[in-house]
Amino acid sequence: MKTLKILFIADEPAPALWDYFEESRLEGIDLIISCGDLPPQYLSFLATFFVGPVLYIYGNHDESYIDTPPDGCTCIDGKVFEFEGVRIAGLGGCMKYNYGTFQYTERQMFFRSLKLQYRLRKHKGLDIFVSHAPAYELNDGKDLPHMGFRCFHRLLEKYHPKFFVHGHVHLNYNYLQKRICTHEDTTVINAFERYILEYPLPEISV
């Protein structure tokens, strides 16, 4: 079965992809997706050496992207991006805990998700949902800044994407924190630092 090999990154630059970078580390990768809170220079650096698309959404610490967006990259925050027949949608930001630009109340994120659903109708579904913050009680934190959004459950239960990939919850803060869990028929992945996903592409009959 043919697969789409996606490199997800989030929260902290992976030393192997920046400080000790070798082009061979990107061999076989078809797509790079940032789940937020990474220096724009890091994404620009990867885009320089990578021949495929580099996509990103905003993390809660990404105000610098407003004046210095990463070069050679595509923002999919609030949008739908289709690649090799795989429909990918993104919603950045986290739960509002102060006055940051990319922070939202549950109500604000709910209306953002409604706008995203309007775009999803045109694509007739969703295969991979990408966010910065997790969904409520799906590998989220108990404190307000790291609490997940309840409205994400509505997206998962309406569109049943195969994968939901997020960042924001640092795995090195809590060794008991899970990287992967499931919600109904969706696999939920915390992309902290880096995670490679091999997405099975549908067979095309001739």
Protein backbone atom coordinates (compact mmCIF):
# COMPACT_ATOMS: atom_id res chain seq x y z
CA MET A 1 0.00 0.00 0.00
CA LYS A 2 1.31 3.44 -0.91
CA THR A 3 1.64 5.86 1.99
CA LEU A 4 2.07 9.60 2.46
CA LYS A 5 4.96 10.21 4.85
CA ILE A 6 4.29 13.32 6.93
CA LEU A 7 6.72 14.93 9.35
CA PHE A 8 4.86 16.76 12.12
CA ILE A 9 6.76 19.22 14.31
CA ALA A 10 5.67 21.29 17.31
CA ASP A 11 6.71 23.29 20.38
CA GLU A 12 10.49 22.76 20.39
CA PRO A 13 12.89 22.48 17.44
CA ALA A 14 14.27 18.97 17.08
CA PRO A 15 18.08 19.18 17.34
CA ALA A 16 18.39 16.55 14.60
CA LEU A 17 16.50 18.88 12.24
CA TRP A 18 18.29 22.11 13.11
CA ASP A 19 21.45 22.08 15.27
CA TYR A 20 22.70 18.77 13.83
CA PHE A 21 20.81 18.85 10.55
CA GLU A 22 21.59 16.49 7.69
CA GLU A 23 19.55 16.53 4.49
CA SER A 24 19.27 12.75 4.66
CA ARG A 25 16.92 13.14 7.63
CA LEU A 26 14.27 14.47 5.22
CA GLU A 27 14.61 11.64 2.72
CA GLY A 28 11.28 9.96 2.03
CA ILE A 29 9.27 12.74 3.66
CA ASP A 30 6.41 14.00 1.45
CA LEU A 31 5.00 16.77 3.62
CA ILE A 32 5.99 18.79 6.71
CA ILE A 33 3.35 20.22 9.05
CA SER A 34 4.03 22.47 12.04
CA CYS A 35 1.52 22.37 14.89
CA GLY A 36 2.77 25.68 16.28
CA ASP A 37 5.08 27.36 18.79
CA LEU A 38 8.20 27.07 16.67
CA PRO A 39 10.57 29.85 15.54
CA PRO A 40 9.71 31.02 12.02
CA GLN A 41 13.41 30.72 11.18
CA TYR A 42 13.21 26.99 11.92
CA LEU A 43 10.40 26.49 9.40
CA SER A 44 12.17 28.66 6.84
CA PHE A 45 15.32 26.60 7.33
CA LEU A 46 13.47 23.32 6.70
CA ALA A 47 11.70 24.79 3.66
CA THR A 48 15.09 25.66 2.17
CA PHE A 49 16.16 22.01 2.07
CA PHE A 50 12.79 20.35 1.57
CA VAL A 51 11.24 19.94 -1.88
CA GLY A 52 7.63 19.42 -0.72
CA PRO A 53 5.11 21.71 1.00
CA VAL A 54 5.76 23.00 4.52
CA LEU A 55 2.47 23.85 6.23
CA TYR A 56 1.85 25.53 9.57
CA ILE A 57 -0.75 26.79 12.02
CA TYR A 58 -0.23 29.31 14.82
CA GLY A 59 0.74 28.35 18.34
CA ASN A 60 -0.04 30.64 21.26
CA HIS A 61 3.55 31.94 21.23
CA ASP A 62 3.73 32.69 17.51
CA GLU A 63 3.09 36.45 17.49
CA SER A 64 6.41 36.89 15.68
CA TYR A 65 4.83 35.26 12.61
CA ILE A 66 2.72 38.39 12.10
CA ASP A 67 5.78 40.46 11.14
CA THR A 68 8.11 37.61 10.17
CA PRO A 69 6.17 34.73 8.59
CA PRO A 70 8.28 31.68 7.71
CA ASP A 71 9.59 31.89 4.15
CA GLY A 72 8.51 29.25 1.65
CA CYS A 73 5.74 27.93 3.91
CA THR A 74 1.95 27.87 3.71
CA CYS A 75 -0.38 28.82 6.56
CA ILE A 76 -3.40 26.51 6.88
CA ASP A 77 -4.82 28.09 10.04
CA GLY A 78 -8.58 28.13 9.53
CA LYS A 79 -8.16 26.58 6.09
CA VAL A 80 -8.27 23.26 4.26
CA PHE A 81 -5.27 22.01 2.29
CA GLU A 82 -5.51 19.02 -0.03
CA PHE A 83 -2.40 17.04 -0.93
CA GLU A 84 -2.33 13.75 -2.84
CA GLY A 85 -6.06 13.48 -2.19
CA VAL A 86 -5.62 13.84 1.59
CA ARG A 87 -7.72 16.61 3.14
CA ILE A 88 -5.93 18.47 5.94
CA ALA A 89 -7.55 21.21 8.04
CA GLY A 90 -5.96 23.40 10.70
CA LEU A 91 -6.99 25.49 13.71
CA GLY A 92 -4.23 27.19 15.68
CA GLY A 93 -4.09 28.80 19.09
CA CYS A 94 -4.90 27.67 22.60
CA MET A 95 -7.35 28.37 25.43
CA LYS A 96 -7.41 32.06 26.40
CA TYR A 97 -5.44 32.67 29.61
CA ASN A 98 -4.22 36.25 29.05
CA TYR A 99 -4.28 38.68 26.12
CA GLY A 100 -2.19 36.78 23.59
CA THR A 101 -3.06 37.15 19.90
CA PHE A 102 -3.56 33.44 19.28
CA GLN A 103 -5.64 32.62 22.35
CA TYR A 104 -9.37 31.94 22.26
CA THR A 105 -12.27 31.32 24.58
CA GLU A 106 -14.25 28.15 24.03
CA ARG A 107 -16.95 30.23 22.35
CA GLN A 108 -14.46 31.94 20.02
CA MET A 109 -12.95 28.63 18.98
CA PHE A 110 -16.41 27.20 18.42
CA PHE A 111 -17.16 29.93 15.86
CA ARG A 112 -13.75 29.41 14.26
CA SER A 113 -14.59 25.73 13.90
CA LEU A 114 -17.93 26.59 12.28
CA LYS A 115 -16.12 28.67 9.64
CA LEU A 116 -13.76 25.78 9.06
CA GLN A 117 -16.71 23.41 8.60
CA TYR A 118 -18.03 25.66 5.84
CA ARG A 119 -14.76 25.15 3.99
CA LEU A 120 -14.81 21.42 4.72
CA ARG A 121 -18.14 21.07 2.92
CA LYS A 122 -16.44 22.05 -0.32
CA HIS A 123 -13.86 19.30 0.19
CA LYS A 124 -16.52 16.75 1.20
CA GLY A 125 -14.80 15.62 4.36
CA LEU A 126 -11.65 15.63 6.46
CA ASP A 127 -8.79 13.15 6.74
CA ILE A 128 -6.32 14.88 9.09
CA PHE A 129 -7.24 17.58 11.61
CA VAL A 130 -4.30 19.67 12.82
CA SER A 131 -4.42 22.00 15.82
CA HIS A 132 -2.07 23.54 18.34
CA ALA A 133 -4.14 22.85 21.44
CA PRO A 134 -5.58 19.39 22.10
CA ALA A 135 -9.25 18.55 22.49
CA TYR A 136 -10.81 18.55 25.95
CA GLU A 137 -9.77 15.45 27.93
CA LEU A 138 -7.80 14.02 25.01
CA ASN A 139 -4.22 14.30 26.24
CA ASP A 140 -4.76 17.87 27.44
CA GLY A 141 -3.64 19.49 30.71
CA LYS A 142 -5.61 20.38 33.81
CA ASP A 143 -4.46 24.01 33.98
CA LEU A 144 -6.32 26.59 31.90
CA PRO A 145 -3.48 27.36 29.41
CA HIS A 146 -3.18 23.67 28.47
CA MET A 147 -6.82 22.68 28.68
CA GLY A 148 -8.26 21.39 25.42
CA PHE A 149 -11.26 22.68 23.46
CA ARG A 150 -14.60 20.91 23.76
CA CYS A 151 -15.68 22.07 20.30
CA PHE A 152 -12.97 19.91 18.71
CA HIS A 153 -15.04 16.89 19.73
CA ARG A 154 -17.81 18.11 17.42
CA LEU A 155 -15.39 18.17 14.48
CA LEU A 156 -14.07 14.70 15.28
CA GLU A 157 -17.54 13.21 15.71
CA LYS A 158 -18.95 14.86 12.59
CA TYR A 159 -16.10 14.20 10.14
CA HIS A 160 -14.31 11.21 11.70
CA PRO A 161 -10.82 12.11 10.48
CA LYS A 162 -8.35 9.24 10.60
CA PHE A 163 -5.89 11.39 12.53
CA PHE A 164 -6.00 14.40 14.84
CA VAL A 165 -2.53 15.86 15.42
CA HIS A 166 -1.82 18.61 17.94
CA GLY A 167 1.02 20.18 19.92
CA HIS A 168 1.07 22.52 22.95
CA VAL A 169 1.39 19.83 25.66
CA HIS A 170 5.12 19.27 26.12
CA LEU A 171 5.98 15.64 26.65
CA ASN A 172 9.16 16.53 28.55
CA TYR A 173 7.12 18.26 31.26
CA ASN A 174 5.36 15.08 32.35
CA TYR A 175 6.78 11.61 31.67
CA LEU A 176 3.31 10.12 32.20
CA GLN A 177 1.85 12.21 29.38
CA LYS A 178 0.69 10.06 26.48
CA ARG A 179 1.77 10.78 22.92
CA ILE A 180 -1.01 8.75 21.29
CA CYS A 181 -4.60 7.96 22.23
CA THR A 182 -7.83 7.27 20.36
CA HIS A 183 -11.25 8.85 20.20
CA GLU A 184 -13.81 6.63 18.52
CA ASP A 185 -12.21 5.90 15.12
CA THR A 186 -9.70 8.79 15.23
CA THR A 187 -6.09 8.38 16.31
CA VAL A 188 -4.95 11.39 18.36
CA ILE A 189 -1.23 12.25 18.24
CA ASN A 190 0.81 14.76 20.21
CA ALA A 191 3.43 16.02 17.74
CA PHE A 192 5.77 17.49 20.39
CA GLU A 193 9.21 18.11 18.84
CA ARG A 194 8.69 15.70 15.91
CA TYR A 195 6.57 12.77 14.85
CA ILE A 196 6.51 10.92 11.53
CA LEU A 197 3.15 9.63 10.34
CA GLU A 198 2.71 7.27 7.42
CA TYR A 199 -0.77 7.98 6.10
CA PRO A 200 -2.19 5.16 3.91
CA LEU A 201 -3.29 6.50 0.55
CA PRO A 202 -6.41 5.02 -1.05
CA GLU A 203 -5.90 2.55 -3.83
CA ILE A 204 -6.80 3.99 -7.24
CA SER A 205 -8.57 1.55 -9.51
CA VAL A 206 -7.81 1.70 -13.25
